[in-house]
């Protein structure tokens, strides 16, 4: 467990306090990467018309609105997120069968036992501080036979953007704790399997997938990293050091540039699981 994991799990660090209206709006504009792989997760879950679905960590509600269209008027989608500014944007997308509100994965007390057919977390699980508590709550609110779907950064295989940033920090001579300036609470495949089993789930599949993200330039990558981490990118780094990191990162990413832009591989684990049916 890293220093960040310990601090976040103990409650001494809260990564949800650095968001801003600008970051939330930027995320809504540039979140195509997460929206597209979110649709993969929804396909894996086989969500049906008429089902009752909970989106945990919905962000600005792009994927939630998509799923609301799948469940249709006879179904219902509820989305929660701990970031109020993003919830406000999500509310502009809501419809009769789509509700959006503030909430955390670790506390689903607003919902009754066995009240959802499906719960999913798209690019959220690696931000959840108390993963056992979150999975326990999800298990409780799922109906017997209900499905859980999530995708998460793999702690054992960092995304290419993280590798390049770490090298850029070193080359720029910036003294900083990398786990703090670019935090992630990802888990390994083995850890995820254990977490699901301990919570009582029957694991259906865990698959490592390689995705390719394309950025127009280094500034687009930085804007994405800042907005998707709700302000938890290059924490505590001075303006001058940020400029040095940006320049060094741009030089290092030249080898990844192509006609469409900078292409970087991202590695996610996609997991689906089921709550056992009650007898």
C-alpha atoms as a PDB file:
ATOM      1  CA  UNK A   1       0.000   0.000   0.000  1.00  0.00           C
ATOM      2  CA  UNK A   2       1.438   3.389  -1.017  1.00  0.00           C
ATOM      3  CA  UNK A   3       1.658   6.439   1.218  1.00  0.00           C
ATOM      4  CA  UNK A   4      -1.290   7.922  -0.701  1.00  0.00           C
ATOM      5  CA  UNK A   5      -3.406   4.786  -0.199  1.00  0.00           C
ATOM      6  CA  UNK A   6      -2.790   4.941   3.541  1.00  0.00           C
ATOM      7  CA  UNK A   7      -3.534   8.657   3.802  1.00  0.00           C
ATOM      8  CA  UNK A   8      -6.686   8.488   1.699  1.00  0.00           C
ATOM      9  CA  UNK A   9      -8.035   5.378   3.419  1.00  0.00           C
ATOM     10  CA  UNK A  10      -7.462   6.934   6.845  1.00  0.00           C
ATOM     11  CA  UNK A  11      -9.396  10.048   5.873  1.00  0.00           C
ATOM     12  CA  UNK A  12      -6.448  12.428   6.275  1.00  0.00           C
ATOM     13  CA  UNK A  13      -6.504  13.161   2.519  1.00  0.00           C
ATOM     14  CA  UNK A  14      -9.685  13.821   0.541  1.00  0.00           C
ATOM     15  CA  UNK A  15      -9.150  13.848  -3.216  1.00  0.00           C
ATOM     16  CA  UNK A  16     -12.631  15.243  -3.893  1.00  0.00           C
ATOM     17  CA  UNK A  17     -11.966  18.771  -2.597  1.00  0.00           C
ATOM     18  CA  UNK A  18      -9.964  20.242  -5.501  1.00  0.00           C
ATOM     19  CA  UNK A  19     -12.614  20.268  -8.213  1.00  0.00           C
ATOM     20  CA  UNK A  20     -13.728  23.522  -9.854  1.00  0.00           C
ATOM     21  CA  UNK A  21     -16.426  24.659 -12.254  1.00  0.00           C
ATOM     22  CA  UNK A  22     -13.837  25.005 -15.035  1.00  0.00           C
ATOM     23  CA  UNK A  23     -12.470  21.490 -14.444  1.00  0.00           C
ATOM     24  CA  UNK A  24     -15.970  20.009 -14.408  1.00  0.00           C
ATOM     25  CA  UNK A  25     -16.910  21.772 -17.653  1.00  0.00           C
ATOM     26  CA  UNK A  26     -13.640  20.746 -19.312  1.00  0.00           C
ATOM     27  CA  UNK A  27     -14.156  17.133 -18.286  1.00  0.00           C
ATOM     28  CA  UNK A  28     -17.630  17.112 -19.817  1.00  0.00           C
ATOM     29  CA  UNK A  29     -16.140  18.371 -23.092  1.00  0.00           C
ATOM     30  CA  UNK A  30     -13.083  16.086 -23.307  1.00  0.00           C
ATOM     31  CA  UNK A  31     -14.271  12.851 -21.663  1.00  0.00           C
ATOM     32  CA  UNK A  32     -14.750  10.899 -24.898  1.00  0.00           C
ATOM     33  CA  UNK A  33     -12.099   8.372 -23.774  1.00  0.00           C
ATOM     34  CA  UNK A  34     -14.005   7.373 -20.668  1.00  0.00           C
ATOM     35  CA  UNK A  35     -17.380   7.541 -22.381  1.00  0.00           C
ATOM     36  CA  UNK A  36     -16.284   5.111 -25.103  1.00  0.00           C
ATOM     37  CA  UNK A  37     -14.781   2.517 -22.771  1.00  0.00           C
ATOM     38  CA  UNK A  38     -17.789   2.999 -20.511  1.00  0.00           C
ATOM     39  CA  UNK A  39     -19.979   1.825 -23.374  1.00  0.00           C
ATOM     40  CA  UNK A  40     -17.831  -1.320 -23.528  1.00  0.00           C
ATOM     41  CA  UNK A  41     -18.595  -1.940 -19.855  1.00  0.00           C
ATOM     42  CA  UNK A  42     -22.317  -1.426 -20.419  1.00  0.00           C
ATOM     43  CA  UNK A  43     -22.205  -3.896 -23.303  1.00  0.00           C
ATOM     44  CA  UNK A  44     -20.461  -6.438 -21.054  1.00  0.00           C
ATOM     45  CA  UNK A  45     -23.274  -6.101 -18.516  1.00  0.00           C
ATOM     46  CA  UNK A  46     -26.023  -6.676 -21.067  1.00  0.00           C
ATOM     47  CA  UNK A  47     -28.291  -4.038 -19.532  1.00  0.00           C
ATOM     48  CA  UNK A  48     -31.905  -4.503 -20.606  1.00  0.00           C
ATOM     49  CA  UNK A  49     -34.953  -2.333 -21.104  1.00  0.00           C
ATOM     50  CA  UNK A  50     -36.909  -1.976 -17.878  1.00  0.00           C
ATOM     51  CA  UNK A  51     -33.989  -2.565 -15.521  1.00  0.00           C
ATOM     52  CA  UNK A  52     -33.191  -0.405 -12.507  1.00  0.00           C
ATOM     53  CA  UNK A  53     -29.551   0.713 -12.640  1.00  0.00           C
ATOM     54  CA  UNK A  54     -27.174   2.625 -10.337  1.00  0.00           C
ATOM     55  CA  UNK A  55     -24.194   4.521 -11.791  1.00  0.00           C
ATOM     56  CA  UNK A  56     -21.660   5.069  -8.995  1.00  0.00           C
ATOM     57  CA  UNK A  57     -19.313   7.959  -9.798  1.00  0.00           C
ATOM     58  CA  UNK A  58     -21.261   9.168 -12.826  1.00  0.00           C
ATOM     59  CA  UNK A  59     -19.206  12.367 -13.248  1.00  0.00           C
ATOM     60  CA  UNK A  60     -21.077  14.733 -15.553  1.00  0.00           C
ATOM     61  CA  UNK A  61     -23.572  12.066 -16.542  1.00  0.00           C
ATOM     62  CA  UNK A  62     -22.651  11.290 -20.158  1.00  0.00           C
ATOM     63  CA  UNK A  63     -22.655   7.514 -19.708  1.00  0.00           C
ATOM     64  CA  UNK A  64     -25.616   7.649 -17.334  1.00  0.00           C
ATOM     65  CA  UNK A  65     -27.702   9.427 -19.972  1.00  0.00           C
ATOM     66  CA  UNK A  66     -26.674   6.749 -22.483  1.00  0.00           C
ATOM     67  CA  UNK A  67     -27.772   3.967 -20.112  1.00  0.00           C
ATOM     68  CA  UNK A  68     -31.031   5.773 -19.352  1.00  0.00           C
ATOM     69  CA  UNK A  69     -31.763   5.470 -23.051  1.00  0.00           C
ATOM     70  CA  UNK A  70     -31.117   1.712 -22.897  1.00  0.00           C
ATOM     71  CA  UNK A  71     -33.392   1.009 -19.913  1.00  0.00           C
ATOM     72  CA  UNK A  72     -36.084   3.184 -21.462  1.00  0.00           C
ATOM     73  CA  UNK A  73     -39.214   4.613 -19.872  1.00  0.00           C
ATOM     74  CA  UNK A  74     -40.011   1.354 -18.077  1.00  0.00           C
ATOM     75  CA  UNK A  75     -36.567   1.342 -16.413  1.00  0.00           C
ATOM     76  CA  UNK A  76     -34.762   3.772 -14.161  1.00  0.00           C
ATOM     77  CA  UNK A  77     -31.205   5.096 -13.869  1.00  0.00           C
ATOM     78  CA  UNK A  78     -29.870   6.772 -10.730  1.00  0.00           C
ATOM     79  CA  UNK A  79     -26.431   8.359 -10.862  1.00  0.00           C
ATOM     80  CA  UNK A  80     -24.379   9.538  -7.893  1.00  0.00           C
ATOM     81  CA  UNK A  81     -21.050  11.325  -7.632  1.00  0.00           C
ATOM     82  CA  UNK A  82     -19.160  12.939  -4.718  1.00  0.00           C
ATOM     83  CA  UNK A  83     -18.420  16.078  -6.784  1.00  0.00           C
ATOM     84  CA  UNK A  84     -21.361  18.531  -6.599  1.00  0.00           C
ATOM     85  CA  UNK A  85     -20.199  20.618  -9.564  1.00  0.00           C
ATOM     86  CA  UNK A  86     -20.256  17.561 -11.818  1.00  0.00           C
ATOM     87  CA  UNK A  87     -23.622  16.477 -10.477  1.00  0.00           C
ATOM     88  CA  UNK A  88     -25.030  19.866 -11.491  1.00  0.00           C
ATOM     89  CA  UNK A  89     -23.908  19.256 -15.075  1.00  0.00           C
ATOM     90  CA  UNK A  90     -25.355  15.740 -14.962  1.00  0.00           C
ATOM     91  CA  UNK A  91     -28.705  17.150 -13.891  1.00  0.00           C
ATOM     92  CA  UNK A  92     -28.902  19.057 -17.184  1.00  0.00           C
ATOM     93  CA  UNK A  93     -28.908  15.649 -18.932  1.00  0.00           C
ATOM     94  CA  UNK A  94     -31.455  14.014 -16.637  1.00  0.00           C
ATOM     95  CA  UNK A  95     -34.858  12.849 -17.806  1.00  0.00           C
ATOM     96  CA  UNK A  96     -37.940  11.228 -16.277  1.00  0.00           C
ATOM     97  CA  UNK A  97     -36.058   7.946 -15.902  1.00  0.00           C
ATOM     98  CA  UNK A  98     -32.685   9.477 -14.907  1.00  0.00           C
ATOM     99  CA  UNK A  99     -31.987  11.025 -11.497  1.00  0.00           C
ATOM    100  CA  UNK A 100     -28.653  12.563 -10.467  1.00  0.00           C
ATOM    101  CA  UNK A 101     -27.456  13.321  -6.943  1.00  0.00           C
ATOM    102  CA  UNK A 102     -24.430  13.668  -4.693  1.00  0.00           C
ATOM    103  CA  UNK A 103     -23.181  10.453  -3.103  1.00  0.00           C
ATOM    104  CA  UNK A 104     -20.203   8.187  -2.477  1.00  0.00           C
ATOM    105  CA  UNK A 105     -19.574   4.537  -3.257  1.00  0.00           C
ATOM    106  CA  UNK A 106     -18.858   3.780   0.395  1.00  0.00           C
ATOM    107  CA  UNK A 107     -22.258   5.035   1.588  1.00  0.00           C
ATOM    108  CA  UNK A 108     -25.335   3.929  -0.335  1.00  0.00           C
ATOM    109  CA  UNK A 109     -27.625   4.307   2.675  1.00  0.00           C
ATOM    110  CA  UNK A 110     -30.017   6.370   0.556  1.00  0.00           C
ATOM    111  CA  UNK A 111     -30.994   3.142  -1.204  1.00  0.00           C
ATOM    112  CA  UNK A 112     -32.910   0.150   0.121  1.00  0.00           C
ATOM    113  CA  UNK A 113     -31.614  -3.402   0.134  1.00  0.00           C
ATOM    114  CA  UNK A 114     -32.053  -5.303  -3.141  1.00  0.00           C
ATOM    115  CA  UNK A 115     -33.212  -2.254  -5.084  1.00  0.00           C
ATOM    116  CA  UNK A 116     -31.098  -2.453  -8.286  1.00  0.00           C
ATOM    117  CA  UNK A 117     -30.663  -4.943 -11.115  1.00  0.00           C
ATOM    118  CA  UNK A 118     -27.285  -3.499 -12.099  1.00  0.00           C
ATOM    119  CA  UNK A 119     -24.621  -1.327 -10.463  1.00  0.00           C
ATOM    120  CA  UNK A 120     -21.616  -0.086 -12.430  1.00  0.00           C
ATOM    121  CA  UNK A 121     -18.519   2.057 -11.840  1.00  0.00           C
ATOM    122  CA  UNK A 122     -16.807   3.418 -14.951  1.00  0.00           C
ATOM    123  CA  UNK A 123     -13.221   4.588 -14.299  1.00  0.00           C
ATOM    124  CA  UNK A 124     -14.204   5.111 -10.675  1.00  0.00           C
ATOM    125  CA  UNK A 125     -12.979   2.132  -8.657  1.00  0.00           C
ATOM    126  CA  UNK A 126      -9.377   3.364  -8.691  1.00  0.00           C
ATOM    127  CA  UNK A 127     -10.569   6.517  -6.877  1.00  0.00           C
ATOM    128  CA  UNK A 128     -12.549   4.697  -4.176  1.00  0.00           C
ATOM    129  CA  UNK A 129     -10.774   4.927  -0.808  1.00  0.00           C
ATOM    130  CA  UNK A 130     -12.503   2.111   1.082  1.00  0.00           C
ATOM    131  CA  UNK A 131     -13.014  -0.531  -1.582  1.00  0.00           C
ATOM    132  CA  UNK A 132     -14.270  -3.300   0.765  1.00  0.00           C
ATOM    133  CA  UNK A 133     -16.921  -0.966   2.189  1.00  0.00           C
ATOM    134  CA  UNK A 134     -17.986   0.157  -1.282  1.00  0.00           C
ATOM    135  CA  UNK A 135     -18.358  -3.418  -2.522  1.00  0.00           C
ATOM    136  CA  UNK A 136     -20.272  -4.370   0.615  1.00  0.00           C
ATOM    137  CA  UNK A 137     -22.725  -1.538  -0.004  1.00  0.00           C
ATOM    138  CA  UNK A 138     -23.086  -2.441  -3.683  1.00  0.00           C
ATOM    139  CA  UNK A 139     -23.754  -6.072  -2.744  1.00  0.00           C
ATOM    140  CA  UNK A 140     -26.459  -4.921  -0.328  1.00  0.00           C
ATOM    141  CA  UNK A 141     -28.354  -2.745  -2.821  1.00  0.00           C
ATOM    142  CA  UNK A 142     -28.237  -5.308  -5.646  1.00  0.00           C
ATOM    143  CA  UNK A 143     -31.108  -7.724  -6.081  1.00  0.00           C
ATOM    144  CA  UNK A 144     -30.375 -11.439  -5.941  1.00  0.00           C
ATOM    145  CA  UNK A 145     -28.841 -12.304  -9.306  1.00  0.00           C
ATOM    146  CA  UNK A 146     -28.012  -8.630  -9.899  1.00  0.00           C
ATOM    147  CA  UNK A 147     -24.859  -7.657 -11.781  1.00  0.00           C
ATOM    148  CA  UNK A 148     -21.877  -5.479 -10.947  1.00  0.00           C
ATOM    149  CA  UNK A 149     -19.596  -4.044 -13.605  1.00  0.00           C
ATOM    150  CA  UNK A 150     -16.467  -1.975 -13.123  1.00  0.00           C
ATOM    151  CA  UNK A 151     -13.249  -1.015 -14.806  1.00  0.00           C
ATOM    152  CA  UNK A 152     -10.137   0.141 -13.011  1.00  0.00           C
ATOM    153  CA  UNK A 153      -6.557   1.140 -13.554  1.00  0.00           C
ATOM    154  CA  UNK A 154      -4.250  -1.810 -13.038  1.00  0.00           C
ATOM    155  CA  UNK A 155      -1.823  -1.061 -10.213  1.00  0.00           C
ATOM    156  CA  UNK A 156       0.693  -3.469 -11.739  1.00  0.00           C
ATOM    157  CA  UNK A 157       0.672  -1.852 -15.200  1.00  0.00           C
ATOM    158  CA  UNK A 158       0.702   1.966 -15.292  1.00  0.00           C
ATOM    159  CA  UNK A 159      -0.753   3.759 -18.296  1.00  0.00           C
ATOM    160  CA  UNK A 160       1.756   5.153 -20.804  1.00  0.00           C
ATOM    161  CA  UNK A 161       0.874   8.719 -19.836  1.00  0.00           C
ATOM    162  CA  UNK A 162       1.895   7.995 -16.253  1.00  0.00           C
ATOM    163  CA  UNK A 163       5.228   6.503 -17.361  1.00  0.00           C
ATOM    164  CA  UNK A 164       6.038   9.509 -19.546  1.00  0.00           C
ATOM    165  CA  UNK A 165       5.052  11.944 -16.795  1.00  0.00           C
ATOM    166  CA  UNK A 166       7.252  10.201 -14.246  1.00  0.00           C
ATOM    167  CA  UNK A 167      10.210  10.439 -16.627  1.00  0.00           C
ATOM    168  CA  UNK A 168       9.427  14.104 -17.340  1.00  0.00           C
ATOM    169  CA  UNK A 169       9.456  14.906 -13.615  1.00  0.00           C
ATOM    170  CA  UNK A 170      12.918  13.384 -13.289  1.00  0.00           C
ATOM    171  CA  UNK A 171      14.300  15.092 -16.399  1.00  0.00           C
ATOM    172  CA  UNK A 172      12.871  18.453 -15.323  1.00  0.00           C
ATOM    173  CA  UNK A 173      14.603  18.079 -11.964  1.00  0.00           C
ATOM    174  CA  UNK A 174      11.362  18.459 -10.008  1.00  0.00           C
ATOM    175  CA  UNK A 175      11.539  16.922  -6.545  1.00  0.00           C
ATOM    176  CA  UNK A 176       8.094  15.514  -5.826  1.00  0.00           C
ATOM    177  CA  UNK A 177       6.351  12.354  -4.661  1.00  0.00           C
ATOM    178  CA  UNK A 178       4.961  10.918  -7.886  1.00  0.00           C
ATOM    179  CA  UNK A 179       2.100   9.132  -6.104  1.00  0.00           C
ATOM    180  CA  UNK A 180       0.958  12.521  -4.814  1.00  0.00           C
ATOM    181  CA  UNK A 181       1.372  14.653  -7.953  1.00  0.00           C
ATOM    182  CA  UNK A 182      -0.487  12.085 -10.103  1.00  0.00           C
ATOM    183  CA  UNK A 183      -2.505   9.916  -7.685  1.00  0.00           C
ATOM    184  CA  UNK A 184      -4.319   6.689  -8.419  1.00  0.00           C
ATOM    185  CA  UNK A 185      -5.695   4.004  -6.116  1.00  0.00           C
ATOM    186  CA  UNK A 186      -5.696   1.205  -8.680  1.00  0.00           C
ATOM    187  CA  UNK A 187      -5.673  -2.474  -7.770  1.00  0.00           C
ATOM    188  CA  UNK A 188      -4.054  -5.562  -9.233  1.00  0.00           C
ATOM    189  CA  UNK A 189      -6.069  -8.368 -10.797  1.00  0.00           C
ATOM    190  CA  UNK A 190      -5.346 -10.619  -7.816  1.00  0.00           C
ATOM    191  CA  UNK A 191      -6.461  -7.949  -5.359  1.00  0.00           C
ATOM    192  CA  UNK A 192      -9.647  -7.297  -7.332  1.00  0.00           C
ATOM    193  CA  UNK A 193     -10.527 -10.995  -7.400  1.00  0.00           C
ATOM    194  CA  UNK A 194     -10.057 -11.164  -3.629  1.00  0.00           C
ATOM    195  CA  UNK A 195     -12.127  -8.027  -3.011  1.00  0.00           C
ATOM    196  CA  UNK A 196     -15.042  -9.336  -5.067  1.00  0.00           C
ATOM    197  CA  UNK A 197     -14.957 -12.752  -3.398  1.00  0.00           C
ATOM    198  CA  UNK A 198     -14.794 -11.287   0.106  1.00  0.00           C
ATOM    199  CA  UNK A 199     -17.825  -9.103  -0.640  1.00  0.00           C
ATOM    200  CA  UNK A 200     -19.781 -12.214  -1.652  1.00  0.00           C
ATOM    201  CA  UNK A 201     -19.815 -11.781  -5.427  1.00  0.00           C
ATOM    202  CA  UNK A 202     -19.497 -14.522  -8.006  1.00  0.00           C
ATOM    203  CA  UNK A 203     -16.869 -13.233 -10.413  1.00  0.00           C
ATOM    204  CA  UNK A 204     -18.008 -13.644 -14.020  1.00  0.00           C
ATOM    205  CA  UNK A 205     -14.992 -12.195 -15.820  1.00  0.00           C
ATOM    206  CA  UNK A 206     -11.913 -10.046 -15.327  1.00  0.00           C
ATOM    207  CA  UNK A 207     -10.221  -8.984 -18.542  1.00  0.00           C
ATOM    208  CA  UNK A 208      -7.226  -6.710 -19.101  1.00  0.00           C
ATOM    209  CA  UNK A 209      -7.830  -4.445 -22.088  1.00  0.00           C
ATOM    210  CA  UNK A 210      -5.490  -2.087 -23.891  1.00  0.00           C
ATOM    211  CA  UNK A 211      -7.065   1.146 -25.095  1.00  0.00           C
ATOM    212  CA  UNK A 212      -5.507   3.876 -27.227  1.00  0.00           C
ATOM    213  CA  UNK A 213      -6.165   7.515 -26.354  1.00  0.00           C
ATOM    214  CA  UNK A 214      -5.387  10.273 -28.859  1.00  0.00           C
ATOM    215  CA  UNK A 215      -4.501  13.821 -27.808  1.00  0.00           C
ATOM    216  CA  UNK A 216      -4.013  16.791 -30.119  1.00  0.00           C
ATOM    217  CA  UNK A 217      -0.930  17.917 -28.195  1.00  0.00           C
ATOM    218  CA  UNK A 218       0.678  17.908 -24.758  1.00  0.00           C
ATOM    219  CA  UNK A 219      -1.677  20.632 -23.520  1.00  0.00           C
ATOM    220  CA  UNK A 220      -4.683  18.478 -24.408  1.00  0.00           C
ATOM    221  CA  UNK A 221      -3.179  15.619 -22.384  1.00  0.00           C
ATOM    222  CA  UNK A 222      -2.596  17.916 -19.405  1.00  0.00           C
ATOM    223  CA  UNK A 223      -6.153  19.289 -19.637  1.00  0.00           C
ATOM    224  CA  UNK A 224      -7.494  15.743 -19.666  1.00  0.00           C
ATOM    225  CA  UNK A 225      -5.294  14.642 -16.765  1.00  0.00           C
ATOM    226  CA  UNK A 226      -6.325  17.647 -14.667  1.00  0.00           C
ATOM    227  CA  UNK A 227     -10.055  17.453 -15.359  1.00  0.00           C
ATOM    228  CA  UNK A 228     -10.394  13.667 -15.125  1.00  0.00           C
ATOM    229  CA  UNK A 229      -8.604  13.683 -11.751  1.00  0.00           C
ATOM    230  CA  UNK A 230     -10.798  16.594 -10.536  1.00  0.00           C
ATOM    231  CA  UNK A 231      -7.781  18.778  -9.773  1.00  0.00           C
ATOM    232  CA  UNK A 232      -5.510  16.074  -8.360  1.00  0.00           C
ATOM    233  CA  UNK A 233      -2.814  16.427 -11.027  1.00  0.00           C
ATOM    234  CA  UNK A 234       0.590  17.992 -10.304  1.00  0.00           C
ATOM    235  CA  UNK A 235      -0.557  18.793  -6.770  1.00  0.00           C
ATOM    236  CA  UNK A 236       1.761  21.202  -4.962  1.00  0.00           C
ATOM    237  CA  UNK A 237       3.881  21.903  -8.055  1.00  0.00           C
ATOM    238  CA  UNK A 238       4.843  25.554  -8.623  1.00  0.00           C
ATOM    239  CA  UNK A 239       3.928  27.416 -11.809  1.00  0.00           C
ATOM    240  CA  UNK A 240       7.547  27.456 -12.973  1.00  0.00           C
ATOM    241  CA  UNK A 241       7.988  23.737 -12.311  1.00  0.00           C
ATOM    242  CA  UNK A 242       4.728  22.991 -14.104  1.00  0.00           C
ATOM    243  CA  UNK A 243       6.067  24.820 -17.155  1.00  0.00           C
ATOM    244  CA  UNK A 244       9.302  22.825 -17.021  1.00  0.00           C
ATOM    245  CA  UNK A 245       7.367  19.553 -16.705  1.00  0.00           C
ATOM    246  CA  UNK A 246       5.101  20.519 -19.596  1.00  0.00           C
ATOM    247  CA  UNK A 247       8.076  21.274 -21.864  1.00  0.00           C
ATOM    248  CA  UNK A 248       9.895  18.070 -20.938  1.00  0.00           C
ATOM    249  CA  UNK A 249       6.726  16.013 -21.340  1.00  0.00           C
ATOM    250  CA  UNK A 250       6.180  17.522 -24.782  1.00  0.00           C
ATOM    251  CA  UNK A 251       9.688  16.524 -25.855  1.00  0.00           C
ATOM    252  CA  UNK A 252       9.274  12.980 -24.586  1.00  0.00           C
ATOM    253  CA  UNK A 253       5.891  12.546 -26.269  1.00  0.00           C
ATOM    254  CA  UNK A 254       7.261  13.472 -29.695  1.00  0.00           C
ATOM    255  CA  UNK A 255       7.972   9.779 -30.290  1.00  0.00           C
ATOM    256  CA  UNK A 256       4.254   9.007 -29.836  1.00  0.00           C
ATOM    257  CA  UNK A 257       2.978  11.680 -32.224  1.00  0.00           C
ATOM    258  CA  UNK A 258       1.292  10.685 -35.477  1.00  0.00           C
ATOM    259  CA  UNK A 259      -0.994  12.217 -38.099  1.00  0.00           C
ATOM    260  CA  UNK A 260      -3.950  12.076 -35.690  1.00  0.00           C
ATOM    261  CA  UNK A 261      -2.043  13.341 -32.664  1.00  0.00           C
ATOM    262  CA  UNK A 262      -0.277  11.840 -29.661  1.00  0.00           C
ATOM    263  CA  UNK A 263      -1.338   8.213 -29.213  1.00  0.00           C
ATOM    264  CA  UNK A 264      -0.961   6.684 -25.757  1.00  0.00           C
ATOM    265  CA  UNK A 265      -1.909   3.254 -24.498  1.00  0.00           C
ATOM    266  CA  UNK A 266      -4.074   2.924 -21.421  1.00  0.00           C
ATOM    267  CA  UNK A 267      -4.525  -0.330 -19.525  1.00  0.00           C
ATOM    268  CA  UNK A 268      -7.782  -1.107 -17.752  1.00  0.00           C
ATOM    269  CA  UNK A 269      -9.177  -4.180 -16.070  1.00  0.00           C
ATOM    270  CA  UNK A 270     -12.839  -4.812 -16.884  1.00  0.00           C
ATOM    271  CA  UNK A 271     -14.693  -6.906 -14.328  1.00  0.00           C
ATOM    272  CA  UNK A 272     -18.222  -8.245 -14.153  1.00  0.00           C
ATOM    273  CA  UNK A 273     -19.682 -10.095 -11.190  1.00  0.00           C
ATOM    274  CA  UNK A 274     -23.023 -11.341  -9.917  1.00  0.00           C
ATOM    275  CA  UNK A 275     -24.747 -11.374  -6.564  1.00  0.00           C
ATOM    276  CA  UNK A 276     -25.941 -14.939  -5.905  1.00  0.00           C
ATOM    277  CA  UNK A 277     -29.666 -15.442  -6.358  1.00  0.00           C
ATOM    278  CA  UNK A 278     -31.610 -15.872  -3.150  1.00  0.00           C
ATOM    279  CA  UNK A 279     -33.323 -19.205  -2.583  1.00  0.00           C
END
